[in-house]
């Protein structure tokens, strides 16, 4: 959403306002980890124990909301095909913590990125050829 706003801000003039019809936006996510919590597991959690899961839930919600907003912006401009979001669920062998730079994790993240590209290569190539 910031990239969209920056494009409009940087390239709009008084005479020519940039809209979604003028922008081709490819959004590449960093992957997401699905987590579920049973009632029995969390019923006695205090604030300290909820801190990380609550932050993860908020960040995931923000990402999903921005994706939805951008899709709506481009759709309302009859330019749905000019916005593409690529993201995927991180595999079990990848640590979702952004500060984990252990060699095993970097290898798992690279493999994940390669697979995500392979799975979406046709869509990406079609998108950028517009």
N, C-alpha and C. Protein backbone atom coordinates (compact mmCIF):
# COMPACT_ATOMS: atom_id res chain seq x y z
N UNK A 1 0.84 -1.18 0.00
CA UNK A 1 0.00 0.00 0.00
C UNK A 1 0.88 1.24 0.00
N UNK A 2 2.01 1.16 0.71
CA UNK A 2 2.95 2.29 0.71
C UNK A 2 3.53 2.50 -0.68
N UNK A 3 3.85 1.42 -1.39
CA UNK A 3 4.38 1.55 -2.75
C UNK A 3 3.34 2.21 -3.66
N UNK A 4 2.08 1.85 -3.51
CA UNK A 4 1.02 2.46 -4.31
C UNK A 4 0.92 3.96 -4.01
N UNK A 5 0.92 4.29 -2.73
CA UNK A 5 0.83 5.70 -2.33
C UNK A 5 2.05 6.48 -2.82
N UNK A 6 3.22 5.88 -2.73
CA UNK A 6 4.44 6.55 -3.17
C UNK A 6 4.42 6.80 -4.69
N UNK A 7 3.95 5.84 -5.44
CA UNK A 7 3.83 6.02 -6.90
C UNK A 7 2.92 7.20 -7.22
N UNK A 8 1.78 7.24 -6.55
CA UNK A 8 0.84 8.34 -6.79
C UNK A 8 1.45 9.68 -6.39
N UNK A 9 2.14 9.69 -5.26
CA UNK A 9 2.74 10.92 -4.76
C UNK A 9 3.88 11.39 -5.66
N UNK A 10 4.72 10.48 -6.06
CA UNK A 10 5.93 10.84 -6.81
C UNK A 10 5.63 11.22 -8.27
N UNK A 11 4.66 10.57 -8.89
CA UNK A 11 4.46 10.76 -10.33
C UNK A 11 3.20 11.52 -10.72
N UNK A 12 2.35 11.84 -9.76
CA UNK A 12 1.17 12.65 -10.08
C UNK A 12 1.57 14.11 -10.24
N UNK A 13 0.88 14.78 -11.14
CA UNK A 13 1.06 16.23 -11.30
C UNK A 13 -0.31 16.87 -11.13
N UNK A 14 -0.32 18.18 -11.13
CA UNK A 14 -1.62 18.87 -11.03
C UNK A 14 -2.53 18.50 -12.19
N UNK A 15 -1.93 18.33 -13.36
CA UNK A 15 -2.72 18.05 -14.56
C UNK A 15 -3.00 16.55 -14.74
N UNK A 16 -2.16 15.71 -14.18
CA UNK A 16 -2.27 14.27 -14.43
C UNK A 16 -2.12 13.50 -13.11
N UNK A 17 -3.24 13.11 -12.55
CA UNK A 17 -3.22 12.34 -11.30
C UNK A 17 -3.06 10.85 -11.64
N UNK A 18 -2.06 10.22 -11.04
CA UNK A 18 -1.81 8.80 -11.23
C UNK A 18 -2.89 8.01 -10.48
N UNK A 19 -3.46 7.02 -11.16
CA UNK A 19 -4.46 6.13 -10.55
C UNK A 19 -3.99 4.69 -10.69
N UNK A 20 -4.76 3.77 -10.18
CA UNK A 20 -4.42 2.35 -10.28
C UNK A 20 -4.29 1.92 -11.74
N UNK A 21 -5.02 2.53 -12.64
CA UNK A 21 -4.93 2.18 -14.07
C UNK A 21 -3.54 2.46 -14.63
N UNK A 22 -2.78 3.34 -13.98
CA UNK A 22 -1.45 3.72 -14.45
C UNK A 22 -0.32 2.92 -13.78
N UNK A 23 -0.67 2.01 -12.88
CA UNK A 23 0.33 1.32 -12.07
C UNK A 23 0.22 -0.19 -12.27
N UNK A 24 1.36 -0.82 -12.37
CA UNK A 24 1.48 -2.27 -12.36
C UNK A 24 2.20 -2.63 -11.07
N UNK A 25 1.53 -3.30 -10.14
CA UNK A 25 2.08 -3.53 -8.81
C UNK A 25 2.20 -5.02 -8.51
N UNK A 26 3.44 -5.46 -8.33
CA UNK A 26 3.74 -6.84 -7.93
C UNK A 26 4.16 -6.80 -6.47
N UNK A 27 3.42 -7.48 -5.62
CA UNK A 27 3.70 -7.53 -4.19
C UNK A 27 4.21 -8.92 -3.85
N UNK A 28 5.42 -8.98 -3.30
CA UNK A 28 6.02 -10.26 -2.95
C UNK A 28 6.15 -10.34 -1.44
N UNK A 29 5.45 -11.29 -0.85
CA UNK A 29 5.46 -11.46 0.60
C UNK A 29 6.68 -12.19 1.09
N UNK A 30 6.84 -12.25 2.38
CA UNK A 30 7.96 -12.93 3.02
C UNK A 30 7.57 -14.30 3.54
N UNK A 31 6.36 -14.72 3.23
CA UNK A 31 5.85 -15.99 3.73
C UNK A 31 5.13 -15.81 5.05
N UNK A 32 4.33 -16.78 5.39
CA UNK A 32 3.59 -16.72 6.65
C UNK A 32 3.57 -18.11 7.28
N UNK A 33 3.46 -18.12 8.59
CA UNK A 33 3.38 -19.37 9.34
C UNK A 33 2.00 -19.44 9.97
N UNK A 34 1.32 -20.53 9.71
CA UNK A 34 0.01 -20.70 10.33
C UNK A 34 0.21 -21.32 11.70
N UNK A 35 -0.43 -20.74 12.65
CA UNK A 35 -0.35 -21.27 14.02
C UNK A 35 -1.77 -21.37 14.56
N UNK A 36 -2.00 -22.43 15.29
CA UNK A 36 -3.30 -22.56 15.95
C UNK A 36 -3.04 -22.88 17.42
N UNK A 37 -3.97 -22.45 18.21
CA UNK A 37 -3.83 -22.61 19.66
C UNK A 37 -5.12 -23.20 20.20
N UNK A 38 -4.98 -24.29 20.94
CA UNK A 38 -6.16 -24.89 21.55
C UNK A 38 -6.48 -24.16 22.85
N UNK A 39 -7.71 -24.23 23.22
CA UNK A 39 -8.13 -23.60 24.47
C UNK A 39 -7.33 -24.14 25.65
N UNK A 40 -7.17 -25.47 25.69
CA UNK A 40 -6.43 -26.08 26.79
C UNK A 40 -5.00 -25.56 26.86
N UNK A 41 -4.41 -25.26 25.71
CA UNK A 41 -3.03 -24.77 25.67
C UNK A 41 -2.91 -23.34 26.18
N UNK A 42 -3.90 -22.50 25.89
CA UNK A 42 -3.76 -21.07 26.15
C UNK A 42 -4.58 -20.54 27.32
N UNK A 43 -5.41 -21.35 27.90
CA UNK A 43 -6.34 -20.83 28.91
C UNK A 43 -5.65 -20.21 30.12
N UNK A 44 -4.43 -20.63 30.43
CA UNK A 44 -3.73 -20.08 31.58
C UNK A 44 -2.61 -19.12 31.19
N UNK A 45 -2.54 -18.75 29.93
CA UNK A 45 -1.50 -17.83 29.49
C UNK A 45 -1.74 -16.44 30.08
N UNK A 46 -0.68 -15.83 30.51
CA UNK A 46 -0.75 -14.46 30.97
C UNK A 46 -0.31 -13.53 29.84
N UNK A 47 -0.18 -12.25 30.15
CA UNK A 47 0.21 -11.26 29.15
C UNK A 47 1.55 -11.58 28.50
N UNK A 48 2.52 -12.00 29.28
CA UNK A 48 3.85 -12.27 28.74
C UNK A 48 3.81 -13.40 27.72
N UNK A 49 3.05 -14.42 28.00
CA UNK A 49 2.98 -15.58 27.09
C UNK A 49 2.22 -15.22 25.80
N UNK A 50 1.27 -14.29 25.89
CA UNK A 50 0.48 -13.89 24.73
C UNK A 50 1.20 -12.87 23.84
N UNK A 51 2.28 -12.26 24.31
CA UNK A 51 2.92 -11.16 23.58
C UNK A 51 3.30 -11.55 22.16
N UNK A 52 4.07 -12.60 21.98
CA UNK A 52 4.52 -12.97 20.63
C UNK A 52 3.36 -13.44 19.75
N UNK A 53 2.50 -14.36 20.21
CA UNK A 53 1.38 -14.76 19.34
C UNK A 53 0.46 -13.59 18.96
N UNK A 54 0.24 -12.67 19.89
CA UNK A 54 -0.62 -11.51 19.59
C UNK A 54 0.03 -10.63 18.53
N UNK A 55 1.32 -10.41 18.64
CA UNK A 55 2.04 -9.62 17.64
C UNK A 55 1.99 -10.30 16.28
N UNK A 56 2.22 -11.61 16.24
CA UNK A 56 2.14 -12.36 14.98
C UNK A 56 0.76 -12.26 14.35
N UNK A 57 -0.27 -12.35 15.16
CA UNK A 57 -1.65 -12.25 14.66
C UNK A 57 -1.92 -10.86 14.08
N UNK A 58 -1.43 -9.84 14.77
CA UNK A 58 -1.63 -8.46 14.28
C UNK A 58 -0.90 -8.25 12.96
N UNK A 59 0.33 -8.71 12.85
CA UNK A 59 1.10 -8.53 11.62
C UNK A 59 0.45 -9.27 10.46
N UNK A 60 -0.03 -10.46 10.71
CA UNK A 60 -0.71 -11.23 9.67
C UNK A 60 -1.99 -10.53 9.24
N UNK A 61 -2.71 -10.00 10.20
CA UNK A 61 -3.94 -9.27 9.89
C UNK A 61 -3.67 -8.02 9.06
N UNK A 62 -2.59 -7.32 9.37
CA UNK A 62 -2.23 -6.12 8.61
C UNK A 62 -1.91 -6.50 7.17
N UNK A 63 -1.12 -7.55 6.98
CA UNK A 63 -0.75 -7.99 5.63
C UNK A 63 -1.98 -8.38 4.82
N UNK A 64 -2.87 -9.15 5.43
CA UNK A 64 -4.10 -9.56 4.72
C UNK A 64 -4.99 -8.36 4.40
N UNK A 65 -5.06 -7.42 5.31
CA UNK A 65 -5.88 -6.22 5.10
C UNK A 65 -5.33 -5.37 3.96
N UNK A 66 -4.02 -5.17 3.93
CA UNK A 66 -3.41 -4.37 2.86
C UNK A 66 -3.63 -5.05 1.51
N UNK A 67 -3.47 -6.37 1.46
CA UNK A 67 -3.71 -7.11 0.21
C UNK A 67 -5.17 -6.90 -0.24
N UNK A 68 -6.10 -7.01 0.67
CA UNK A 68 -7.50 -6.81 0.35
C UNK A 68 -7.75 -5.38 -0.15
N UNK A 69 -7.18 -4.40 0.54
CA UNK A 69 -7.38 -3.00 0.14
C UNK A 69 -6.83 -2.73 -1.25
N UNK A 70 -5.63 -3.23 -1.54
CA UNK A 70 -5.05 -3.01 -2.86
C UNK A 70 -5.88 -3.70 -3.94
N UNK A 71 -6.34 -4.92 -3.68
CA UNK A 71 -7.18 -5.62 -4.65
C UNK A 71 -8.44 -4.80 -4.92
N UNK A 72 -9.03 -4.21 -3.88
CA UNK A 72 -10.24 -3.40 -4.06
C UNK A 72 -9.94 -2.12 -4.84
N UNK A 73 -8.82 -1.48 -4.56
CA UNK A 73 -8.44 -0.25 -5.27
C UNK A 73 -8.30 -0.55 -6.76
N UNK A 74 -7.55 -1.61 -7.09
CA UNK A 74 -7.34 -1.94 -8.50
C UNK A 74 -8.64 -2.41 -9.17
N UNK A 75 -9.45 -3.15 -8.44
CA UNK A 75 -10.73 -3.59 -9.00
C UNK A 75 -11.65 -2.41 -9.28
N UNK A 76 -11.70 -1.45 -8.38
CA UNK A 76 -12.58 -0.29 -8.57
C UNK A 76 -12.14 0.57 -9.75
N UNK A 77 -10.86 0.44 -10.15
CA UNK A 77 -10.35 1.18 -11.31
C UNK A 77 -10.40 0.32 -12.56
N UNK A 78 -11.09 -0.82 -12.48
CA UNK A 78 -11.15 -1.77 -13.60
C UNK A 78 -9.75 -2.17 -14.05
N UNK A 79 -8.88 -2.39 -13.09
CA UNK A 79 -7.48 -2.74 -13.38
C UNK A 79 -7.03 -3.91 -12.49
N UNK A 80 -7.92 -4.85 -12.22
CA UNK A 80 -7.60 -5.98 -11.34
C UNK A 80 -6.37 -6.74 -11.79
N UNK A 81 -6.17 -6.82 -13.09
CA UNK A 81 -5.04 -7.57 -13.62
C UNK A 81 -3.70 -6.84 -13.44
N UNK A 82 -3.72 -5.64 -12.88
CA UNK A 82 -2.50 -4.86 -12.70
C UNK A 82 -1.95 -4.94 -11.27
N UNK A 83 -2.55 -5.80 -10.46
CA UNK A 83 -2.06 -6.03 -9.10
C UNK A 83 -1.94 -7.53 -8.89
N UNK A 84 -0.76 -7.97 -8.44
CA UNK A 84 -0.53 -9.39 -8.17
C UNK A 84 0.21 -9.53 -6.84
N UNK A 85 -0.31 -10.36 -5.97
CA UNK A 85 0.31 -10.65 -4.67
C UNK A 85 0.79 -12.09 -4.69
N UNK A 86 2.07 -12.28 -4.39
CA UNK A 86 2.66 -13.61 -4.29
C UNK A 86 3.10 -13.80 -2.85
N UNK A 87 2.62 -14.84 -2.21
CA UNK A 87 2.98 -15.16 -0.84
C UNK A 87 2.66 -16.63 -0.62
N UNK A 88 3.20 -17.22 0.40
CA UNK A 88 2.92 -18.62 0.65
C UNK A 88 3.18 -18.98 2.10
N UNK A 89 2.69 -20.15 2.45
CA UNK A 89 2.88 -20.65 3.81
C UNK A 89 4.29 -21.22 3.94
N UNK A 90 4.99 -20.77 4.97
CA UNK A 90 6.36 -21.25 5.21
C UNK A 90 6.33 -22.74 5.55
N UNK A 91 7.32 -23.48 5.05
CA UNK A 91 7.37 -24.91 5.39
C UNK A 91 7.77 -25.10 6.86
N UNK A 92 7.54 -26.29 7.36
CA UNK A 92 7.84 -26.59 8.76
C UNK A 92 9.31 -26.43 9.11
N UNK A 93 10.21 -26.62 8.12
CA UNK A 93 11.64 -26.53 8.43
C UNK A 93 12.17 -25.10 8.39
N UNK A 94 11.32 -24.12 8.15
CA UNK A 94 11.73 -22.71 8.13
C UNK A 94 11.23 -22.02 9.40
N UNK A 95 12.13 -21.34 10.06
CA UNK A 95 11.78 -20.58 11.26
C UNK A 95 11.19 -19.24 10.83
N UNK A 96 9.97 -18.92 11.23
CA UNK A 96 9.34 -17.67 10.78
C UNK A 96 9.88 -16.41 11.46
N UNK A 97 10.72 -16.56 12.48
CA UNK A 97 11.26 -15.38 13.15
C UNK A 97 12.21 -14.65 12.21
N UNK A 98 11.96 -13.36 11.99
CA UNK A 98 12.74 -12.59 11.03
C UNK A 98 14.20 -12.44 11.43
N UNK A 99 14.53 -12.64 12.69
CA UNK A 99 15.92 -12.48 13.11
C UNK A 99 16.68 -13.80 13.14
N UNK A 100 16.11 -14.88 12.66
CA UNK A 100 16.80 -16.17 12.65
C UNK A 100 17.63 -16.28 11.37
N UNK A 101 18.94 -16.08 11.50
CA UNK A 101 19.84 -16.12 10.34
C UNK A 101 20.77 -17.34 10.39
N UNK A 102 20.32 -18.36 11.07
CA UNK A 102 21.10 -19.60 11.12
C UNK A 102 21.18 -20.20 9.72
N UNK A 103 22.31 -20.83 9.37
CA UNK A 103 22.47 -21.40 8.02
C UNK A 103 21.34 -22.34 7.60
N UNK A 104 20.87 -23.20 8.52
CA UNK A 104 19.77 -24.11 8.17
C UNK A 104 18.52 -23.33 7.76
N UNK A 105 18.27 -22.20 8.44
CA UNK A 105 17.07 -21.43 8.16
C UNK A 105 17.20 -20.67 6.84
N UNK A 106 18.37 -20.10 6.60
CA UNK A 106 18.59 -19.41 5.33
C UNK A 106 18.43 -20.36 4.16
N UNK A 107 18.92 -21.59 4.33
CA UNK A 107 18.77 -22.61 3.28
C UNK A 107 17.29 -22.95 3.08
N UNK A 108 16.56 -23.13 4.17
CA UNK A 108 15.13 -23.45 4.08
C UNK A 108 14.35 -22.30 3.44
N UNK A 109 14.69 -21.06 3.78
CA UNK A 109 14.00 -19.90 3.21
C UNK A 109 14.31 -19.74 1.72
N UNK A 110 15.55 -20.00 1.33
CA UNK A 110 15.92 -19.94 -0.09
C UNK A 110 15.14 -20.99 -0.88
N UNK A 111 15.07 -22.20 -0.34
CA UNK A 111 14.32 -23.27 -0.99
C UNK A 111 12.84 -22.88 -1.11
N UNK A 112 12.30 -22.30 -0.06
CA UNK A 112 10.91 -21.84 -0.07
C UNK A 112 10.70 -20.78 -1.16
N UNK A 113 11.61 -19.80 -1.24
CA UNK A 113 11.50 -18.76 -2.25
C UNK A 113 11.58 -19.32 -3.65
N UNK A 114 12.49 -20.26 -3.87
CA UNK A 114 12.62 -20.90 -5.19
C UNK A 114 11.34 -21.64 -5.56
N UNK A 115 10.77 -22.37 -4.59
CA UNK A 115 9.53 -23.11 -4.84
C UNK A 115 8.37 -22.16 -5.11
N UNK A 116 8.30 -21.09 -4.35
CA UNK A 116 7.22 -20.12 -4.53
C UNK A 116 7.30 -19.49 -5.93
N UNK A 117 8.52 -19.19 -6.36
CA UNK A 117 8.69 -18.65 -7.71
C UNK A 117 8.27 -19.68 -8.76
N UNK A 118 8.72 -20.92 -8.60
CA UNK A 118 8.36 -21.97 -9.57
C UNK A 118 6.84 -22.14 -9.66
N UNK A 119 6.18 -22.15 -8.50
CA UNK A 119 4.73 -22.32 -8.48
C UNK A 119 3.99 -21.15 -9.12
N UNK A 120 4.59 -19.98 -9.11
CA UNK A 120 3.92 -18.77 -9.61
C UNK A 120 4.60 -18.18 -10.84
N UNK A 121 5.56 -18.88 -11.41
CA UNK A 121 6.35 -18.35 -12.52
C UNK A 121 5.48 -17.91 -13.69
N UNK A 122 4.53 -18.74 -14.08
CA UNK A 122 3.67 -18.39 -15.22
C UNK A 122 2.88 -17.12 -14.93
N UNK A 123 2.30 -17.03 -13.74
CA UNK A 123 1.51 -15.84 -13.38
C UNK A 123 2.40 -14.60 -13.36
N UNK A 124 3.60 -14.74 -12.81
CA UNK A 124 4.52 -13.59 -12.73
C UNK A 124 4.94 -13.14 -14.12
N UNK A 125 5.33 -14.09 -14.97
CA UNK A 125 5.76 -13.73 -16.32
C UNK A 125 4.64 -13.11 -17.12
N UNK A 126 3.44 -13.65 -16.99
CA UNK A 126 2.29 -13.05 -17.70
C UNK A 126 2.02 -11.65 -17.17
N UNK A 127 2.15 -11.48 -15.88
CA UNK A 127 1.89 -10.19 -15.25
C UNK A 127 2.87 -9.12 -15.74
N UNK A 128 4.16 -9.44 -15.76
CA UNK A 128 5.15 -8.42 -16.11
C UNK A 128 5.19 -8.16 -17.62
N UNK A 129 4.58 -9.02 -18.43
CA UNK A 129 4.56 -8.79 -19.87
C UNK A 129 3.43 -7.87 -20.29
N UNK A 130 2.61 -7.43 -19.35
CA UNK A 130 1.47 -6.56 -19.69
C UNK A 130 1.93 -5.27 -20.31
